[in-house]
Structure formats: C-alpha cells, structure tokens
C-alpha cells in the first residue's frame, strides 16, 4: 500500500501542486510508459509547469549532492579500495 503524501502546513500551495504532480507521475512509472503519459495528459498546463519546476529543483540538488559526494570520496586516501554502492 502506498503511503499517504503529507506536506507541512506552511508548504507553498504552488510547491505542493508540483510535489503532487511529481508524486503522481512517479507512481505511474511502475505501471509503464503509457501510464505515465496517460497521467501526464490528464494534468493541466499549470500542473505540468509546477511539476517541472519541482523536478528541476530536485535534480539540481541531486546533482550538487552527487558532485560533493564524489569529491569527498576522491579526497579520501583509501576510497579506491572501497566498493561503490549503486
């Protein structure tokens, strides 16, 4: 059973819409590419734009985090002997 998506009470309403859009599309992924497209087509232009804004922010954070983690691992003297977890 999928957990219920809950947001902080002070979450910006536009951000909340973007989060819900991304969550709905992520849920549809498990049902295949046609389900994702069907879900996306059921959304308004505004919902899609807000979803894109949210996903863009998440990707920027993930990219920065990945660079930081890779840099720290490269700095560590014994990092080459440790297996990488993917």
N, C-alpha and C. Protein backbone atom coordinates (compact mmCIF):
# COMPACT_ATOMS: atom_id res chain seq x y z
N UNK A 1 0.84 -1.18 0.00
CA UNK A 1 0.00 0.00 0.00
C UNK A 1 0.88 1.24 0.00
N UNK A 2 0.54 2.18 -0.85
CA UNK A 2 1.31 3.42 -0.97
C UNK A 2 1.04 4.32 0.23
N UNK A 3 2.12 4.88 0.83
CA UNK A 3 1.90 5.80 1.95
C UNK A 3 1.21 7.08 1.48
N UNK A 4 0.47 7.68 2.38
CA UNK A 4 -0.23 8.92 2.06
C UNK A 4 0.78 10.06 2.03
N UNK A 5 0.71 10.87 0.99
CA UNK A 5 1.60 12.02 0.85
C UNK A 5 1.11 13.13 1.78
N UNK A 6 1.95 13.51 2.73
CA UNK A 6 1.59 14.60 3.63
C UNK A 6 2.63 15.70 3.51
N UNK A 7 2.17 16.92 3.60
CA UNK A 7 3.05 18.07 3.47
C UNK A 7 2.96 18.92 4.73
N UNK A 8 4.01 19.67 4.99
CA UNK A 8 3.99 20.60 6.11
C UNK A 8 2.87 21.62 5.89
N UNK A 9 2.22 22.08 6.97
CA UNK A 9 1.14 23.05 6.81
C UNK A 9 1.56 24.35 6.12
N UNK A 10 2.80 24.74 6.28
CA UNK A 10 3.24 26.01 5.69
C UNK A 10 3.84 25.85 4.30
N UNK A 11 3.65 24.69 3.65
CA UNK A 11 4.15 24.46 2.30
C UNK A 11 3.44 25.41 1.33
N UNK A 12 4.23 26.05 0.47
CA UNK A 12 3.69 26.93 -0.56
C UNK A 12 2.70 26.12 -1.42
N UNK A 13 1.50 26.64 -1.64
CA UNK A 13 0.50 25.88 -2.42
C UNK A 13 0.98 25.50 -3.81
N UNK A 14 1.76 26.37 -4.45
CA UNK A 14 2.28 26.05 -5.78
C UNK A 14 3.29 24.91 -5.70
N UNK A 15 4.13 24.94 -4.67
CA UNK A 15 5.09 23.85 -4.47
C UNK A 15 4.36 22.55 -4.18
N UNK A 16 3.29 22.64 -3.39
CA UNK A 16 2.51 21.44 -3.06
C UNK A 16 1.92 20.81 -4.31
N UNK A 17 1.46 21.63 -5.24
CA UNK A 17 0.93 21.10 -6.50
C UNK A 17 2.04 20.41 -7.28
N UNK A 18 3.21 21.05 -7.36
CA UNK A 18 4.34 20.45 -8.06
C UNK A 18 4.75 19.12 -7.46
N UNK A 19 4.73 19.04 -6.13
CA UNK A 19 5.09 17.80 -5.45
C UNK A 19 4.06 16.72 -5.76
N UNK A 20 2.79 17.07 -5.73
CA UNK A 20 1.73 16.09 -6.02
C UNK A 20 1.82 15.59 -7.47
N UNK A 21 2.13 16.49 -8.39
CA UNK A 21 2.28 16.10 -9.79
C UNK A 21 3.44 15.11 -9.93
N UNK A 22 4.58 15.45 -9.36
CA UNK A 22 5.75 14.56 -9.44
C UNK A 22 5.45 13.22 -8.78
N UNK A 23 4.74 13.24 -7.66
CA UNK A 23 4.39 12.01 -6.97
C UNK A 23 3.46 11.15 -7.81
N UNK A 24 2.47 11.77 -8.43
CA UNK A 24 1.54 11.01 -9.27
C UNK A 24 2.25 10.38 -10.46
N UNK A 25 3.17 11.12 -11.06
CA UNK A 25 3.91 10.57 -12.21
C UNK A 25 4.87 9.47 -11.76
N UNK A 26 5.49 9.65 -10.60
CA UNK A 26 6.39 8.61 -10.08
C UNK A 26 5.60 7.33 -9.81
N UNK A 27 4.41 7.47 -9.29
CA UNK A 27 3.55 6.30 -9.04
C UNK A 27 3.18 5.63 -10.35
N UNK A 28 2.93 6.40 -11.38
CA UNK A 28 2.54 5.84 -12.68
C UNK A 28 3.69 5.09 -13.36
N UNK A 29 4.93 5.44 -13.03
CA UNK A 29 6.09 4.78 -13.65
C UNK A 29 6.04 3.27 -13.47
N UNK A 30 5.59 2.82 -12.32
CA UNK A 30 5.55 1.38 -12.07
C UNK A 30 4.54 0.65 -12.96
N UNK A 31 3.68 1.41 -13.61
CA UNK A 31 2.68 0.82 -14.49
C UNK A 31 3.06 0.94 -15.96
N UNK A 32 4.24 1.48 -16.22
CA UNK A 32 4.75 1.54 -17.58
C UNK A 32 4.65 2.92 -18.22
N UNK A 33 5.33 3.07 -19.37
CA UNK A 33 5.41 4.38 -20.02
C UNK A 33 4.06 4.92 -20.49
N UNK A 34 3.15 4.03 -20.89
CA UNK A 34 1.84 4.51 -21.34
C UNK A 34 1.05 5.10 -20.17
N UNK A 35 1.20 4.50 -19.00
CA UNK A 35 0.51 5.01 -17.81
C UNK A 35 1.06 6.38 -17.42
N UNK A 36 2.36 6.56 -17.58
CA UNK A 36 2.96 7.86 -17.27
C UNK A 36 2.42 8.92 -18.22
N UNK A 37 2.38 8.60 -19.51
CA UNK A 37 1.86 9.57 -20.48
C UNK A 37 0.37 9.84 -20.25
N UNK A 38 -0.37 8.82 -19.94
CA UNK A 38 -1.81 8.99 -19.67
C UNK A 38 -2.01 9.90 -18.45
N UNK A 39 -1.20 9.68 -17.42
CA UNK A 39 -1.29 10.50 -16.21
C UNK A 39 -0.91 11.94 -16.53
N UNK A 40 0.18 12.13 -17.26
CA UNK A 40 0.62 13.49 -17.61
C UNK A 40 -0.43 14.21 -18.46
N UNK A 41 -1.04 13.49 -19.39
CA UNK A 41 -2.05 14.11 -20.25
C UNK A 41 -3.30 14.51 -19.48
N UNK A 42 -3.52 13.90 -18.33
CA UNK A 42 -4.70 14.23 -17.54
C UNK A 42 -4.51 15.51 -16.71
N UNK A 43 -3.30 16.06 -16.74
CA UNK A 43 -2.98 17.23 -15.92
C UNK A 43 -3.08 18.51 -16.74
N UNK A 44 -3.34 19.60 -16.02
CA UNK A 44 -3.42 20.91 -16.68
C UNK A 44 -2.03 21.42 -17.01
N UNK A 45 -1.97 22.43 -17.87
CA UNK A 45 -0.68 23.05 -18.21
C UNK A 45 0.00 23.59 -16.96
N UNK A 46 -0.78 24.23 -16.09
CA UNK A 46 -0.22 24.80 -14.85
C UNK A 46 0.35 23.70 -13.95
N UNK A 47 -0.35 22.59 -13.83
CA UNK A 47 0.15 21.48 -13.02
C UNK A 47 1.45 20.94 -13.60
N UNK A 48 1.50 20.79 -14.91
CA UNK A 48 2.72 20.29 -15.55
C UNK A 48 3.89 21.26 -15.35
N UNK A 49 3.64 22.56 -15.47
CA UNK A 49 4.71 23.54 -15.25
C UNK A 49 5.22 23.50 -13.82
N UNK A 50 4.30 23.42 -12.87
CA UNK A 50 4.71 23.36 -11.46
C UNK A 50 5.44 22.05 -11.15
N UNK A 51 5.00 20.97 -11.78
CA UNK A 51 5.70 19.69 -11.63
C UNK A 51 7.10 19.77 -12.19
N UNK A 52 7.25 20.41 -13.34
CA UNK A 52 8.59 20.58 -13.92
C UNK A 52 9.48 21.44 -13.03
N UNK A 53 8.92 22.50 -12.47
CA UNK A 53 9.70 23.33 -11.55
C UNK A 53 10.21 22.51 -10.36
N UNK A 54 9.33 21.69 -9.80
CA UNK A 54 9.72 20.87 -8.66
C UNK A 54 10.80 19.87 -9.03
N UNK A 55 10.59 19.15 -10.13
CA UNK A 55 11.56 18.13 -10.55
C UNK A 55 12.91 18.78 -10.89
N UNK A 56 12.88 19.95 -11.51
CA UNK A 56 14.12 20.66 -11.81
C UNK A 56 14.89 20.99 -10.53
N UNK A 57 14.18 21.44 -9.53
CA UNK A 57 14.83 21.74 -8.24
C UNK A 57 15.43 20.48 -7.62
N UNK A 58 14.70 19.39 -7.67
CA UNK A 58 15.20 18.13 -7.12
C UNK A 58 16.45 17.68 -7.86
N UNK A 59 16.44 17.79 -9.19
CA UNK A 59 17.60 17.38 -9.97
C UNK A 59 18.82 18.26 -9.70
N UNK A 60 18.61 19.55 -9.50
CA UNK A 60 19.72 20.45 -9.17
C UNK A 60 20.35 20.06 -7.83
N UNK A 61 19.51 19.77 -6.84
CA UNK A 61 20.02 19.35 -5.53
C UNK A 61 20.74 18.02 -5.65
N UNK A 62 20.16 17.08 -6.38
CA UNK A 62 20.78 15.77 -6.54
C UNK A 62 22.12 15.88 -7.25
N UNK A 63 22.20 16.73 -8.26
CA UNK A 63 23.45 16.91 -9.00
C UNK A 63 24.54 17.49 -8.10
N UNK A 64 24.19 18.52 -7.34
CA UNK A 64 25.16 19.12 -6.42
C UNK A 64 25.60 18.13 -5.35
N UNK A 65 24.65 17.37 -4.84
CA UNK A 65 24.97 16.38 -3.82
C UNK A 65 25.89 15.29 -4.38
N UNK A 66 25.61 14.84 -5.59
CA UNK A 66 26.43 13.80 -6.21
C UNK A 66 27.86 14.30 -6.43
N UNK A 67 27.99 15.55 -6.88
CA UNK A 67 29.34 16.11 -7.07
C UNK A 67 30.08 16.20 -5.75
N UNK A 68 29.40 16.63 -4.69
CA UNK A 68 30.04 16.75 -3.38
C UNK A 68 30.48 15.37 -2.87
N UNK A 69 29.61 14.38 -3.00
CA UNK A 69 29.96 13.03 -2.53
C UNK A 69 31.14 12.47 -3.32
N UNK A 70 31.13 12.65 -4.63
CA UNK A 70 32.23 12.15 -5.46
C UNK A 70 33.54 12.85 -5.11
N UNK A 71 33.48 14.15 -4.85
CA UNK A 71 34.69 14.90 -4.48
C UNK A 71 35.25 14.42 -3.16
N UNK A 72 34.38 14.21 -2.19
CA UNK A 72 34.85 13.75 -0.88
C UNK A 72 35.43 12.36 -0.98
N UNK A 73 34.79 11.47 -1.74
CA UNK A 73 35.35 10.13 -1.91
C UNK A 73 36.71 10.19 -2.59
N UNK A 74 36.85 11.06 -3.58
CA UNK A 74 38.13 11.19 -4.29
C UNK A 74 39.23 11.74 -3.38
N UNK A 75 38.85 12.58 -2.41
CA UNK A 75 39.83 13.14 -1.47
C UNK A 75 40.34 12.11 -0.48
N UNK A 76 39.55 11.13 -0.17
CA UNK A 76 39.91 10.15 0.86
C UNK A 76 40.96 9.19 0.32
N UNK A 77 42.02 8.97 1.09
CA UNK A 77 43.12 8.15 0.59
C UNK A 77 42.74 6.69 0.31
N UNK A 78 41.84 6.13 1.05
CA UNK A 78 41.50 4.72 0.84
C UNK A 78 40.20 4.53 0.09
N UNK A 79 39.73 5.56 -0.61
CA UNK A 79 38.44 5.45 -1.29
C UNK A 79 38.47 4.47 -2.44
N UNK A 80 39.64 4.27 -3.06
CA UNK A 80 39.70 3.35 -4.19
C UNK A 80 39.57 1.91 -3.77
N UNK A 81 39.82 1.60 -2.49
CA UNK A 81 39.71 0.21 -2.04
C UNK A 81 38.31 -0.14 -1.58
N UNK A 82 37.44 0.86 -1.44
CA UNK A 82 36.08 0.61 -1.01
C UNK A 82 35.17 0.37 -2.22
N UNK A 83 34.30 -0.63 -2.12
CA UNK A 83 33.36 -0.83 -3.23
C UNK A 83 32.33 0.30 -3.26
N UNK A 84 31.94 0.70 -4.45
CA UNK A 84 30.92 1.72 -4.61
C UNK A 84 29.55 1.07 -4.56
N UNK A 85 28.63 1.71 -3.87
CA UNK A 85 27.26 1.21 -3.81
C UNK A 85 26.44 2.00 -4.81
N UNK A 86 25.73 1.29 -5.65
CA UNK A 86 24.90 1.96 -6.67
C UNK A 86 23.46 1.78 -6.36
